[in-house]
Amino acid sequence: MKLESPLPLTPQKPSAAASQHKANGLILFNSTGQLVFMNSEARFFIRQFDRPTTTENGRSHVIPDEVHTVVEELISQLVRCKHPKDFESLQIERLWFTGNQHLLLRGLCVPDAPLVRNSHLLIVMEQIDQTSQTPDINLQGQYHFTEREQMVITYVMLGFTNKEIANRLHISQFTVKDHLKRIMQKTKSTTRTGLLARMIFPHLFPHLKDGASLGSCSEQQ
């Protein structure tokens, strides 16, 4: 499903907050995925992503595919909600790399009766400090991290425990450990500290060869 955007993305000077990459972008959709509102910070972030999407007839869309994907997932979960309390645990998060920007897309549902027809979908675009809180884009390509592995690494770099990561990604702690195991195998690390060092300061470990590793195995619960 491709979501139409009724609002033009007209050039405008970004706000001071957006220019400093501190404010969050906000995009609001209705329950069918139609755009209702977009703040200036969201427009600023979207303009950093120089790859417009198009329909089959060649008409361009304002909203990038990465945002569409989160909205579509929210819609698929919205139809299964029977009570406003069901919305409390409904949250979808995705990483979005837009040129020199690293963003966390957080999708939430705002309930309103009747739920399926009147609820709204909120996308929060949050700037992440890529120098210390996300893996370097070159390292992602080097180690062939999956999208889910990138999310797990980001949360590790933010200091989250396995339980907290599991809650944010709506997966089990066992699955988190499984992702970490594969990540450490790919990076030849055996501890969280070793993994963080490899991600944040890769230039400090040029001596690491195949079979080398950082530290001894430990797991933060």
N, C-alpha and C. Protein backbone atom coordinates (compact mmCIF):
# COMPACT_ATOMS: atom_id res chain seq x y z
N MET A 1 0.84 -1.20 0.00
CA MET A 1 0.00 0.00 0.00
C MET A 1 0.87 1.23 0.00
N LYS A 2 0.59 2.16 -0.90
CA LYS A 2 1.33 3.41 -0.98
C LYS A 2 0.45 4.54 -0.47
N LEU A 3 0.94 5.35 0.43
CA LEU A 3 0.14 6.36 1.09
C LEU A 3 0.33 7.71 0.43
N GLU A 4 -0.76 8.33 0.03
CA GLU A 4 -0.72 9.65 -0.59
C GLU A 4 -0.50 10.74 0.44
N SER A 5 0.19 11.77 0.08
CA SER A 5 0.38 12.92 0.96
C SER A 5 -0.26 14.14 0.34
N PRO A 6 -1.29 14.75 0.96
CA PRO A 6 -1.98 15.88 0.38
C PRO A 6 -1.25 17.20 0.55
N LEU A 7 -0.18 17.22 1.35
CA LEU A 7 0.50 18.47 1.63
C LEU A 7 1.78 18.58 0.84
N PRO A 8 2.02 19.70 0.12
CA PRO A 8 3.26 19.86 -0.64
C PRO A 8 4.43 20.12 0.29
N LEU A 9 5.59 19.64 -0.10
CA LEU A 9 6.80 19.88 0.68
C LEU A 9 7.47 21.12 0.11
N THR A 10 6.98 22.29 0.50
CA THR A 10 7.50 23.54 -0.03
C THR A 10 8.77 23.92 0.70
N PRO A 11 9.75 24.48 -0.04
CA PRO A 11 10.99 24.89 0.62
C PRO A 11 10.72 25.91 1.70
N GLN A 12 11.35 25.75 2.84
CA GLN A 12 11.22 26.71 3.91
C GLN A 12 12.47 26.65 4.77
N LYS A 13 12.75 27.74 5.42
CA LYS A 13 13.92 27.80 6.29
C LYS A 13 13.65 26.98 7.54
N PRO A 14 14.54 26.01 7.87
CA PRO A 14 14.30 25.19 9.06
C PRO A 14 14.39 26.02 10.32
N SER A 15 13.68 25.59 11.34
CA SER A 15 13.71 26.30 12.60
C SER A 15 15.09 26.18 13.23
N ALA A 16 15.37 27.05 14.21
CA ALA A 16 16.66 27.02 14.88
C ALA A 16 16.90 25.67 15.53
N ALA A 17 15.82 25.10 16.10
CA ALA A 17 15.96 23.80 16.76
C ALA A 17 16.34 22.72 15.76
N ALA A 18 15.68 22.74 14.59
CA ALA A 18 15.98 21.73 13.58
C ALA A 18 17.38 21.91 13.05
N SER A 19 17.79 23.15 12.89
CA SER A 19 19.13 23.42 12.38
C SER A 19 20.19 22.86 13.31
N GLN A 20 19.90 22.85 14.60
CA GLN A 20 20.83 22.31 15.58
C GLN A 20 20.62 20.82 15.78
N HIS A 21 19.65 20.24 15.04
CA HIS A 21 19.37 18.81 15.10
C HIS A 21 18.96 18.38 16.51
N LYS A 22 18.22 19.21 17.23
CA LYS A 22 17.81 18.87 18.59
C LYS A 22 16.33 18.56 18.68
N ALA A 23 15.49 19.26 17.90
CA ALA A 23 14.04 19.08 18.00
C ALA A 23 13.62 17.81 17.27
N ASN A 24 12.51 17.22 17.71
CA ASN A 24 11.96 16.02 17.08
C ASN A 24 11.02 16.40 15.96
N GLY A 25 11.05 15.62 14.89
CA GLY A 25 10.07 15.78 13.83
C GLY A 25 8.80 15.04 14.19
N LEU A 26 7.65 15.62 13.89
CA LEU A 26 6.35 15.01 14.19
C LEU A 26 5.51 14.95 12.93
N ILE A 27 4.98 13.76 12.63
CA ILE A 27 4.08 13.58 11.49
C ILE A 27 2.85 12.84 11.98
N LEU A 28 1.68 13.39 11.70
CA LEU A 28 0.42 12.80 12.15
C LEU A 28 -0.39 12.32 10.95
N PHE A 29 -0.88 11.09 11.03
CA PHE A 29 -1.71 10.49 9.99
C PHE A 29 -3.06 10.10 10.61
N ASN A 30 -4.09 9.99 9.75
CA ASN A 30 -5.34 9.42 10.26
C ASN A 30 -5.24 7.91 10.19
N SER A 31 -6.30 7.22 10.56
CA SER A 31 -6.24 5.76 10.69
C SER A 31 -6.10 5.04 9.36
N THR A 32 -6.33 5.74 8.25
CA THR A 32 -6.16 5.11 6.93
C THR A 32 -4.84 5.48 6.27
N GLY A 33 -4.00 6.25 6.99
CA GLY A 33 -2.69 6.58 6.46
C GLY A 33 -2.61 7.87 5.69
N GLN A 34 -3.63 8.73 5.79
CA GLN A 34 -3.59 10.03 5.13
C GLN A 34 -2.91 11.06 6.03
N LEU A 35 -2.04 11.86 5.43
CA LEU A 35 -1.30 12.85 6.19
C LEU A 35 -2.23 13.94 6.72
N VAL A 36 -2.10 14.23 8.03
CA VAL A 36 -2.91 15.26 8.68
C VAL A 36 -2.05 16.47 9.06
N PHE A 37 -0.85 16.20 9.57
CA PHE A 37 0.00 17.30 10.04
C PHE A 37 1.46 16.88 9.98
N MET A 38 2.33 17.86 9.67
CA MET A 38 3.76 17.64 9.69
C MET A 38 4.42 18.92 10.18
N ASN A 39 5.27 18.83 11.22
CA ASN A 39 5.91 20.06 11.70
C ASN A 39 7.14 20.40 10.88
N SER A 40 7.70 21.56 11.11
CA SER A 40 8.83 22.04 10.30
C SER A 40 10.07 21.18 10.50
N GLU A 41 10.25 20.60 11.70
CA GLU A 41 11.40 19.75 11.95
C GLU A 41 11.33 18.48 11.10
N ALA A 42 10.12 17.91 10.97
CA ALA A 42 9.97 16.72 10.13
C ALA A 42 10.27 17.05 8.68
N ARG A 43 9.82 18.20 8.21
CA ARG A 43 10.11 18.62 6.84
C ARG A 43 11.61 18.79 6.64
N PHE A 44 12.27 19.33 7.64
CA PHE A 44 13.72 19.53 7.57
C PHE A 44 14.44 18.19 7.42
N PHE A 45 14.06 17.20 8.26
CA PHE A 45 14.71 15.90 8.20
C PHE A 45 14.45 15.22 6.85
N ILE A 46 13.21 15.33 6.36
CA ILE A 46 12.87 14.68 5.10
C ILE A 46 13.66 15.28 3.94
N ARG A 47 13.92 16.56 3.99
CA ARG A 47 14.68 17.19 2.92
C ARG A 47 16.12 16.72 2.88
N GLN A 48 16.62 16.14 3.99
CA GLN A 48 17.97 15.61 4.00
C GLN A 48 18.06 14.29 3.24
N PHE A 49 16.89 13.72 2.96
CA PHE A 49 16.82 12.42 2.31
C PHE A 49 16.53 12.64 0.85
N ASP A 50 17.56 12.66 0.04
CA ASP A 50 17.43 13.06 -1.36
C ASP A 50 17.12 11.87 -2.25
N ARG A 51 15.97 11.22 -1.98
CA ARG A 51 15.51 10.13 -2.84
C ARG A 51 14.00 10.09 -2.80
N PRO A 52 13.30 10.92 -3.60
CA PRO A 52 11.85 10.97 -3.57
C PRO A 52 11.23 9.67 -4.04
N THR A 53 10.10 9.33 -3.44
CA THR A 53 9.36 8.14 -3.88
C THR A 53 8.35 8.55 -4.93
N THR A 54 7.93 7.60 -5.77
CA THR A 54 6.99 7.91 -6.83
C THR A 54 5.92 6.83 -6.92
N THR A 55 4.80 7.20 -7.48
CA THR A 55 3.73 6.24 -7.73
C THR A 55 3.95 5.64 -9.11
N GLU A 56 3.06 4.73 -9.51
CA GLU A 56 3.18 4.11 -10.82
C GLU A 56 2.99 5.12 -11.93
N ASN A 57 2.22 6.19 -11.68
CA ASN A 57 2.01 7.20 -12.71
C ASN A 57 3.09 8.27 -12.68
N GLY A 58 4.13 8.06 -11.84
CA GLY A 58 5.26 8.98 -11.83
C GLY A 58 5.11 10.16 -10.91
N ARG A 59 4.00 10.28 -10.18
CA ARG A 59 3.80 11.41 -9.28
C ARG A 59 4.56 11.17 -7.98
N SER A 60 5.30 12.18 -7.53
CA SER A 60 6.15 12.01 -6.35
C SER A 60 5.36 12.13 -5.06
N HIS A 61 5.91 11.56 -4.00
CA HIS A 61 5.32 11.61 -2.67
C HIS A 61 6.23 12.41 -1.75
N VAL A 62 5.62 13.08 -0.77
CA VAL A 62 6.40 13.78 0.25
C VAL A 62 6.99 12.79 1.23
N ILE A 63 6.21 11.82 1.64
CA ILE A 63 6.60 10.91 2.71
C ILE A 63 7.48 9.79 2.16
N PRO A 64 8.70 9.64 2.68
CA PRO A 64 9.61 8.58 2.21
C PRO A 64 9.10 7.19 2.56
N ASP A 65 9.63 6.21 1.85
CA ASP A 65 9.20 4.82 2.06
C ASP A 65 9.44 4.36 3.49
N GLU A 66 10.52 4.82 4.12
CA GLU A 66 10.83 4.40 5.49
C GLU A 66 9.72 4.78 6.45
N VAL A 67 9.13 5.96 6.26
CA VAL A 67 8.01 6.39 7.10
C VAL A 67 6.75 5.63 6.73
N HIS A 68 6.53 5.43 5.41
CA HIS A 68 5.37 4.65 4.96
C HIS A 68 5.35 3.27 5.62
N THR A 69 6.52 2.66 5.71
CA THR A 69 6.60 1.31 6.27
C THR A 69 6.13 1.28 7.72
N VAL A 70 6.55 2.26 8.51
CA VAL A 70 6.13 2.33 9.91
C VAL A 70 4.62 2.56 10.01
N VAL A 71 4.10 3.46 9.16
CA VAL A 71 2.66 3.75 9.17
C VAL A 71 1.86 2.50 8.82
N GLU A 72 2.31 1.76 7.81
CA GLU A 72 1.59 0.55 7.40
C GLU A 72 1.60 -0.50 8.50
N GLU A 73 2.71 -0.61 9.23
CA GLU A 73 2.77 -1.56 10.34
C GLU A 73 1.83 -1.14 11.46
N LEU A 74 1.75 0.17 11.72
CA LEU A 74 0.83 0.66 12.75
C LEU A 74 -0.62 0.35 12.36
N ILE A 75 -0.96 0.55 11.09
CA ILE A 75 -2.32 0.29 10.63
C ILE A 75 -2.67 -1.19 10.79
N SER A 76 -1.72 -2.05 10.47
CA SER A 76 -1.97 -3.49 10.58
C SER A 76 -2.21 -3.91 12.02
N GLN A 77 -1.56 -3.21 12.97
CA GLN A 77 -1.77 -3.52 14.39
C GLN A 77 -3.00 -2.82 14.95
N LEU A 78 -3.32 -1.65 14.39
CA LEU A 78 -4.47 -0.89 14.87
C LEU A 78 -5.77 -1.68 14.75
N VAL A 79 -5.93 -2.40 13.66
CA VAL A 79 -7.18 -3.13 13.43
C VAL A 79 -7.37 -4.25 14.44
N ARG A 80 -6.32 -4.62 15.15
CA ARG A 80 -6.44 -5.69 16.15
C ARG A 80 -6.68 -5.15 17.55
N CYS A 81 -6.67 -3.82 17.70
CA CYS A 81 -6.89 -3.22 19.02
C CYS A 81 -8.39 -3.13 19.33
N LYS A 82 -8.77 -3.62 20.49
CA LYS A 82 -10.18 -3.64 20.89
C LYS A 82 -10.49 -2.62 21.98
N HIS A 83 -9.44 -2.13 22.67
CA HIS A 83 -9.64 -1.23 23.80
C HIS A 83 -8.50 -0.22 23.82
N PRO A 84 -8.78 1.04 24.25
CA PRO A 84 -7.70 2.05 24.29
C PRO A 84 -6.44 1.59 25.01
N LYS A 85 -6.59 0.72 26.04
CA LYS A 85 -5.41 0.25 26.76
C LYS A 85 -4.50 -0.60 25.87
N ASP A 86 -5.07 -1.16 24.80
CA ASP A 86 -4.25 -1.95 23.88
C ASP A 86 -3.19 -1.08 23.20
N PHE A 87 -3.43 0.23 23.15
CA PHE A 87 -2.52 1.14 22.47
C PHE A 87 -1.26 1.42 23.31
N GLU A 88 -1.33 1.13 24.62
CA GLU A 88 -0.21 1.47 25.49
C GLU A 88 1.07 0.74 25.11
N SER A 89 0.94 -0.48 24.61
CA SER A 89 2.12 -1.26 24.24
C SER A 89 2.37 -1.26 22.74
N LEU A 90 1.57 -0.47 22.01
CA LEU A 90 1.71 -0.43 20.56
C LEU A 90 2.74 0.63 20.18
N GLN A 91 3.93 0.21 19.85
CA GLN A 91 4.99 1.13 19.45
C GLN A 91 5.93 0.42 18.49
N ILE A 92 6.26 1.08 17.40
CA ILE A 92 7.16 0.52 16.39
C ILE A 92 8.34 1.46 16.23
N GLU A 93 9.54 0.91 16.21
CA GLU A 93 10.74 1.73 16.06
C GLU A 93 11.60 1.21 14.92
N ARG A 94 12.11 2.14 14.13
CA ARG A 94 12.99 1.80 13.02
C ARG A 94 14.11 2.83 12.92
N LEU A 95 15.29 2.39 12.51
CA LEU A 95 16.37 3.31 12.24
C LEU A 95 16.25 3.83 10.80
N TRP A 96 16.62 5.08 10.59
CA TRP A 96 16.54 5.69 9.27
C TRP A 96 17.80 6.50 9.06
N PHE A 97 18.56 6.15 8.04
CA PHE A 97 19.79 6.86 7.74
C PHE A 97 19.54 7.75 6.54
N THR A 98 19.55 9.05 6.76
CA THR A 98 19.23 10.02 5.72
C THR A 98 20.46 10.87 5.44
N GLY A 99 21.28 10.42 4.50
CA GLY A 99 22.49 11.17 4.20
C GLY A 99 23.40 11.19 5.41
N ASN A 100 23.60 12.38 5.98
CA ASN A 100 24.47 12.50 7.16
C ASN A 100 23.67 12.48 8.44
N GLN A 101 22.39 12.13 8.38
CA GLN A 101 21.55 12.09 9.57
C GLN A 101 21.25 10.65 9.97
N HIS A 102 21.29 10.39 11.27
CA HIS A 102 20.85 9.11 11.82
C HIS A 102 19.60 9.41 12.66
N LEU A 103 18.47 8.84 12.24
CA LEU A 103 17.21 9.12 12.91
C LEU A 103 16.60 7.84 13.46
N LEU A 104 15.87 7.99 14.56
CA LEU A 104 15.06 6.91 15.09
C LEU A 104 13.61 7.27 14.80
N LEU A 105 12.92 6.43 14.02
CA LEU A 105 11.50 6.63 13.74
C LEU A 105 10.70 5.85 14.77
N ARG A 106 9.89 6.55 15.53
CA ARG A 106 9.06 5.91 16.55
C ARG A 106 7.59 6.09 16.16
N GLY A 107 6.89 4.99 15.94
CA GLY A 107 5.49 5.04 15.55
C GLY A 107 4.57 4.70 16.72
N LEU A 108 3.59 5.56 16.97
CA LEU A 108 2.64 5.39 18.06
C LEU A 108 1.22 5.58 17.55
N CYS A 109 0.26 5.01 18.26
CA CYS A 109 -1.15 5.21 17.94
C CYS A 109 -1.82 6.03 19.03
N VAL A 110 -2.62 7.02 18.61
CA VAL A 110 -3.38 7.87 19.54
C VAL A 110 -4.84 7.45 19.45
N PRO A 111 -5.39 6.78 20.47
CA PRO A 111 -6.74 6.23 20.37
C PRO A 111 -7.84 7.28 20.44
N ASP A 112 -8.90 7.00 19.70
CA ASP A 112 -10.12 7.82 19.74
C ASP A 112 -11.25 6.95 19.22
N ALA A 113 -12.38 6.96 19.91
CA ALA A 113 -13.50 6.10 19.54
C ALA A 113 -14.27 6.67 18.34
N PRO A 114 -14.76 5.77 17.47
CA PRO A 114 -14.43 4.34 17.39
C PRO A 114 -12.99 4.14 16.95
N LEU A 115 -12.29 3.19 17.57
CA LEU A 115 -10.84 3.08 17.47
C LEU A 115 -10.31 2.98 16.05
N VAL A 116 -10.85 2.05 15.27
CA VAL A 116 -10.31 1.82 13.94
C VAL A 116 -10.53 3.01 13.02
N ARG A 117 -11.61 3.75 13.21
CA ARG A 117 -11.94 4.85 12.29
C ARG A 117 -11.34 6.18 12.72
N ASN A 118 -11.35 6.48 14.02
CA ASN A 118 -10.98 7.83 14.47
C ASN A 118 -9.60 7.95 15.12
N SER A 119 -8.92 6.84 15.36
CA SER A 119 -7.59 6.93 15.96
C SER A 119 -6.61 7.55 14.98
N HIS A 120 -5.52 8.08 15.52
CA HIS A 120 -4.48 8.69 14.69
C HIS A 120 -3.15 7.99 14.90
N LEU A 121 -2.28 8.13 13.92
CA LEU A 121 -0.96 7.51 13.95
C LEU A 121 0.09 8.62 14.01
N LEU A 122 0.95 8.55 15.01
CA LEU A 122 1.97 9.58 15.22
C LEU A 122 3.35 9.00 14.95
N ILE A 123 4.10 9.66 14.08
CA ILE A 123 5.49 9.29 13.82
C ILE A 123 6.40 10.35 14.42
N VAL A 124 7.28 9.93 15.32
CA VAL A 124 8.25 10.84 15.93
C VAL A 124 9.61 10.55 15.31
N MET A 125 10.23 11.58 14.76
CA MET A 125 11.55 11.46 14.14
C MET A 125 12.57 12.05 15.09
N GLU A 126 13.40 11.21 15.68
CA GLU A 126 14.33 11.65 16.72
C GLU A 126 15.77 11.54 16.25
N GLN A 127 16.50 12.65 16.35
CA GLN A 127 17.90 12.67 15.96
C GLN A 127 18.74 11.85 16.94
N ILE A 128 19.63 11.01 16.40
CA ILE A 128 20.54 10.22 17.22
C ILE A 128 21.95 10.73 16.97
N ASP A 129 22.72 10.86 18.03
CA ASP A 129 24.11 11.29 17.92
C ASP A 129 24.91 10.17 17.28
N GLN A 130 25.17 10.29 15.98
CA GLN A 130 25.81 9.20 15.25
C GLN A 130 27.26 9.00 15.63
N THR A 131 27.87 9.99 16.28
CA THR A 131 29.28 9.85 16.64
C THR A 131 29.49 8.93 17.84
N SER A 132 28.43 8.77 18.66
CA SER A 132 28.63 7.96 19.86
C SER A 132 27.49 6.99 20.14
N GLN A 133 26.39 7.07 19.37
CA GLN A 133 25.24 6.25 19.72
C GLN A 133 24.72 5.39 18.58
N THR A 134 25.37 5.40 17.44
CA THR A 134 25.00 4.50 16.35
C THR A 134 26.25 3.97 15.69
N PRO A 135 26.19 2.75 15.15
CA PRO A 135 27.35 2.20 14.46
C PRO A 135 27.65 2.99 13.20
N ASP A 136 28.94 3.17 12.90
CA ASP A 136 29.35 3.89 11.71
C ASP A 136 28.81 3.19 10.47
N ILE A 137 28.36 3.99 9.49
CA ILE A 137 27.74 3.43 8.29
C ILE A 137 28.69 2.52 7.55
N ASN A 138 30.01 2.83 7.57
CA ASN A 138 30.98 1.97 6.90
C ASN A 138 31.11 0.62 7.61
N LEU A 139 31.00 0.64 8.95
CA LEU A 139 31.07 -0.61 9.70
C LEU A 139 29.85 -1.47 9.43
N GLN A 140 28.70 -0.84 9.23
CA GLN A 140 27.49 -1.60 8.93
C GLN A 140 27.66 -2.38 7.64
N GLY A 141 28.27 -1.71 6.65
CA GLY A 141 28.51 -2.39 5.39
C GLY A 141 29.58 -3.46 5.51
N GLN A 142 30.59 -3.17 6.30
CA GLN A 142 31.70 -4.12 6.49
C GLN A 142 31.23 -5.41 7.14
N TYR A 143 30.37 -5.29 8.15
CA TYR A 143 29.94 -6.47 8.89
C TYR A 143 28.59 -7.02 8.40
N HIS A 144 27.96 -6.34 7.46
CA HIS A 144 26.68 -6.79 6.90
C HIS A 144 25.62 -6.96 7.98
N PHE A 145 25.48 -5.94 8.82
CA PHE A 145 24.45 -5.97 9.85
C PHE A 145 23.06 -5.90 9.22
N THR A 146 22.13 -6.68 9.76
CA THR A 146 20.74 -6.56 9.35
C THR A 146 20.12 -5.33 10.03
N GLU A 147 18.94 -4.95 9.59
CA GLU A 147 18.26 -3.80 10.21
C GLU A 147 18.02 -4.06 11.69
N ARG A 148 17.60 -5.26 12.05
CA ARG A 148 17.33 -5.57 13.45
C ARG A 148 18.63 -5.56 14.26
N GLU A 149 19.71 -6.05 13.68
CA GLU A 149 21.00 -6.01 14.37
C GLU A 149 21.46 -4.57 14.59
N GLN A 150 21.21 -3.70 13.62
CA GLN A 150 21.54 -2.28 13.79
C GLN A 150 20.76 -1.68 14.94
N MET A 151 19.47 -2.05 15.07
CA MET A 151 18.66 -1.56 16.17
C MET A 151 19.21 -2.04 17.50
N VAL A 152 19.58 -3.31 17.59
CA VAL A 152 20.11 -3.86 18.84
C VAL A 152 21.41 -3.16 19.21
N ILE A 153 22.31 -2.96 18.23
CA ILE A 153 23.57 -2.28 18.50
C ILE A 153 23.32 -0.86 18.99
N THR A 154 22.38 -0.16 18.36
CA THR A 154 22.07 1.21 18.77
C THR A 154 21.62 1.25 20.22
N TYR A 155 20.74 0.33 20.61
CA TYR A 155 20.26 0.31 22.00
C TYR A 155 21.37 -0.08 22.96
N VAL A 156 22.26 -0.97 22.55
CA VAL A 156 23.42 -1.29 23.39
C VAL A 156 24.26 -0.04 23.60
N MET A 157 24.47 0.73 22.53
CA MET A 157 25.28 1.94 22.62
C MET A 157 24.59 3.02 23.46
N LEU A 158 23.26 2.94 23.57
CA LEU A 158 22.50 3.87 24.41
C LEU A 158 22.45 3.39 25.86
N GLY A 159 23.01 2.21 26.15
CA GLY A 159 23.07 1.72 27.52
C GLY A 159 21.90 0.86 27.95
N PHE A 160 21.09 0.37 27.02
CA PHE A 160 19.93 -0.44 27.37
C PHE A 160 20.36 -1.86 27.75
N THR A 161 19.64 -2.47 28.68
CA THR A 161 19.86 -3.86 29.04
C THR A 161 19.14 -4.75 28.03
N ASN A 162 19.42 -6.07 28.09
CA ASN A 162 18.72 -7.00 27.20
C ASN A 162 17.21 -6.92 27.38
N LYS A 163 16.76 -6.83 28.63
CA LYS A 163 15.32 -6.75 28.90
C LYS A 163 14.72 -5.49 28.31
N GLU A 164 15.41 -4.37 28.45
CA GLU A 164 14.91 -3.11 27.90
C GLU A 164 14.88 -3.15 26.38
N ILE A 165 15.91 -3.75 25.77
CA ILE A 165 15.93 -3.88 24.32
C ILE A 165 14.76 -4.75 23.85
N ALA A 166 14.53 -5.85 24.56
CA ALA A 166 13.43 -6.75 24.21
C ALA A 166 12.09 -6.03 24.27
N ASN A 167 11.90 -5.21 25.31
CA ASN A 167 10.64 -4.48 25.45
C ASN A 167 10.46 -3.46 24.33
N ARG A 168 11.54 -2.77 23.94
CA ARG A 168 11.45 -1.75 22.91
C ARG A 168 11.18 -2.36 21.53
N LEU A 169 11.74 -3.54 21.28
CA LEU A 169 11.60 -4.17 19.97
C LEU A 169 10.48 -5.21 19.92
N HIS A 170 9.82 -5.42 21.06
CA HIS A 170 8.72 -6.39 21.16
C HIS A 170 9.19 -7.79 20.76
N ILE A 171 10.34 -8.17 21.29
CA ILE A 171 10.86 -9.51 21.08
C ILE A 171 11.29 -10.06 22.44
N SER A 172 11.64 -11.34 22.49
CA SER A 172 12.05 -11.95 23.75
C SER A 172 13.50 -11.63 24.07
N GLN A 173 13.86 -11.76 25.34
CA GLN A 173 15.26 -11.57 25.73
C GLN A 173 16.15 -12.63 25.06
N PHE A 174 15.60 -13.81 24.86
CA PHE A 174 16.36 -14.86 24.17
C PHE A 174 16.71 -14.41 22.75
N THR A 175 15.76 -13.77 22.07
CA THR A 175 16.01 -13.29 20.71
C THR A 175 17.06 -12.18 20.72
N VAL A 176 17.00 -11.31 21.74
CA VAL A 176 18.02 -10.26 21.86
C VAL A 176 19.40 -10.89 22.01
N LYS A 177 19.52 -11.90 22.88
CA LYS A 177 20.80 -12.57 23.08
C LYS A 177 21.27 -13.23 21.79
N ASP A 178 20.32 -13.77 21.03
CA ASP A 178 20.68 -14.40 19.77
C ASP A 178 21.23 -13.37 18.78
N HIS A 179 20.59 -12.20 18.73
CA HIS A 179 21.09 -11.12 17.87
C HIS A 179 22.49 -10.70 18.31
N LEU A 180 22.68 -10.53 19.62
CA LEU A 180 23.98 -10.12 20.14
C LEU A 180 25.06 -11.16 19.83
N LYS A 181 24.69 -12.42 19.90
CA LYS A 181 25.65 -13.48 19.59
C LYS A 181 26.13 -13.36 18.16
N ARG A 182 25.19 -13.14 17.22
CA ARG A 182 25.57 -13.01 15.82
C ARG A 182 26.38 -11.73 15.58
N ILE A 183 25.99 -10.65 16.27
CA ILE A 183 26.71 -9.38 16.13
C ILE A 183 28.15 -9.54 16.60
N MET A 184 28.33 -10.21 17.74
CA MET A 184 29.68 -10.39 18.28
C MET A 184 30.51 -11.32 17.41
N GLN A 185 29.84 -12.30 16.80
CA GLN A 185 30.56 -13.17 15.88
C GLN A 185 31.04 -12.37 14.67
N LYS A 186 30.18 -11.48 14.16
CA LYS A 186 30.54 -10.69 12.99
C LYS A 186 31.67 -9.71 13.31
N THR A 187 31.65 -9.14 14.51
CA THR A 187 32.64 -8.13 14.88
C THR A 187 33.83 -8.72 15.62
N LYS A 188 33.79 -10.04 15.87
CA LYS A 188 34.85 -10.73 16.62
C LYS A 188 35.04 -10.09 18.00
N SER A 189 33.91 -9.77 18.63
CA SER A 189 33.90 -9.26 19.99
C SER A 189 33.24 -10.30 20.88
N THR A 190 33.57 -10.27 22.17
CA THR A 190 32.95 -11.23 23.10
C THR A 190 32.33 -10.54 24.31
N THR A 191 32.38 -9.22 24.38
CA THR A 191 31.76 -8.47 25.47
C THR A 191 31.08 -7.24 24.90
N ARG A 192 30.16 -6.69 25.69
CA ARG A 192 29.53 -5.43 25.31
C ARG A 192 30.58 -4.32 25.18
N THR A 193 31.53 -4.31 26.12
CA THR A 193 32.57 -3.29 26.09
C THR A 193 33.40 -3.41 24.82
N GLY A 194 33.73 -4.64 24.46
CA GLY A 194 34.50 -4.85 23.24
C GLY A 194 33.72 -4.43 22.01
N LEU A 195 32.42 -4.74 21.99
CA LEU A 195 31.58 -4.35 20.87
C LEU A 195 31.50 -2.83 20.75
N LEU A 196 31.29 -2.16 21.89
CA LEU A 196 31.20 -0.69 21.88
C LEU A 196 32.51 -0.08 21.39
N ALA A 197 33.62 -0.62 21.85
CA ALA A 197 34.91 -0.09 21.42
C ALA A 197 35.07 -0.26 19.91
N ARG A 198 34.64 -1.40 19.40
CA ARG A 198 34.76 -1.67 17.96
C ARG A 198 33.89 -0.72 17.15
N MET A 199 32.70 -0.39 17.68
CA MET A 199 31.78 0.47 16.95
C MET A 199 32.18 1.94 17.03
N ILE A 200 32.62 2.39 18.21
CA ILE A 200 32.87 3.81 18.43
C ILE A 200 34.28 4.21 18.01
N PHE A 201 35.24 3.31 18.26
CA PHE A 201 36.64 3.65 17.96
C PHE A 201 37.29 2.58 17.08
N PRO A 202 36.75 2.33 15.90
CA PRO A 202 37.31 1.27 15.06
C PRO A 202 38.75 1.53 14.66
N HIS A 203 39.13 2.83 14.57
CA HIS A 203 40.49 3.18 14.16
C HIS A 203 41.53 2.83 15.23
N LEU A 204 41.07 2.56 16.46
CA LEU A 204 42.01 2.22 17.53
C LEU A 204 42.38 0.74 17.53
N PHE A 205 41.71 -0.05 16.68
CA PHE A 205 41.95 -1.49 16.69
C PHE A 205 42.34 -2.00 15.31
N PRO A 206 43.30 -1.36 14.66
CA PRO A 206 43.71 -1.83 13.33
C PRO A 206 44.41 -3.18 13.37
N HIS A 207 44.84 -3.59 14.57
CA HIS A 207 45.58 -4.84 14.70
C HIS A 207 44.67 -6.05 14.72
N LEU A 208 43.35 -5.83 14.82
CA LEU A 208 42.42 -6.96 14.89
C LEU A 208 42.40 -7.71 13.57
N LYS A 209 42.72 -8.98 13.62
CA LYS A 209 42.70 -9.82 12.44
C LYS A 209 41.62 -10.88 12.60
N ASP A 210 41.43 -11.66 11.55
CA ASP A 210 40.48 -12.76 11.63
C ASP A 210 40.85 -13.67 12.80
N GLY A 211 39.87 -13.91 13.64
CA GLY A 211 40.10 -14.76 14.79
C GLY A 211 40.43 -13.99 16.05
N ALA A 212 40.78 -12.70 15.91
CA ALA A 212 41.06 -11.89 17.10
C ALA A 212 39.75 -11.47 17.72
N SER A 213 39.79 -11.14 19.01
CA SER A 213 38.57 -10.72 19.70
C SER A 213 38.92 -9.72 20.77
N LEU A 214 37.88 -9.09 21.30
CA LEU A 214 38.06 -8.10 22.35
C LEU A 214 37.43 -8.60 23.64
N GLY A 215 38.24 -8.90 24.63
CA GLY A 215 37.71 -9.21 25.95
C GLY A 215 37.21 -10.64 26.07
N SER A 216 36.66 -10.92 27.24
CA SER A 216 36.08 -12.22 27.53
C SER A 216 34.57 -12.10 27.57
N CYS A 217 33.91 -13.22 27.39
CA CYS A 217 32.46 -13.20 27.21
C CYS A 217 31.74 -12.77 28.49
N SER A 218 30.84 -11.80 28.35
CA SER A 218 29.96 -11.39 29.45
C SER A 218 28.69 -10.86 28.85
N GLU A 219 27.63 -10.84 29.62
CA GLU A 219 26.32 -10.44 29.10
C GLU A 219 25.61 -9.57 30.11
N GLN A 220 25.14 -8.40 29.67
CA GLN A 220 24.37 -7.53 30.55
C GLN A 220 22.92 -7.94 30.48
N GLN A 221 22.34 -8.21 31.61
CA GLN A 221 20.97 -8.70 31.64
C GLN A 221 19.99 -7.57 31.83
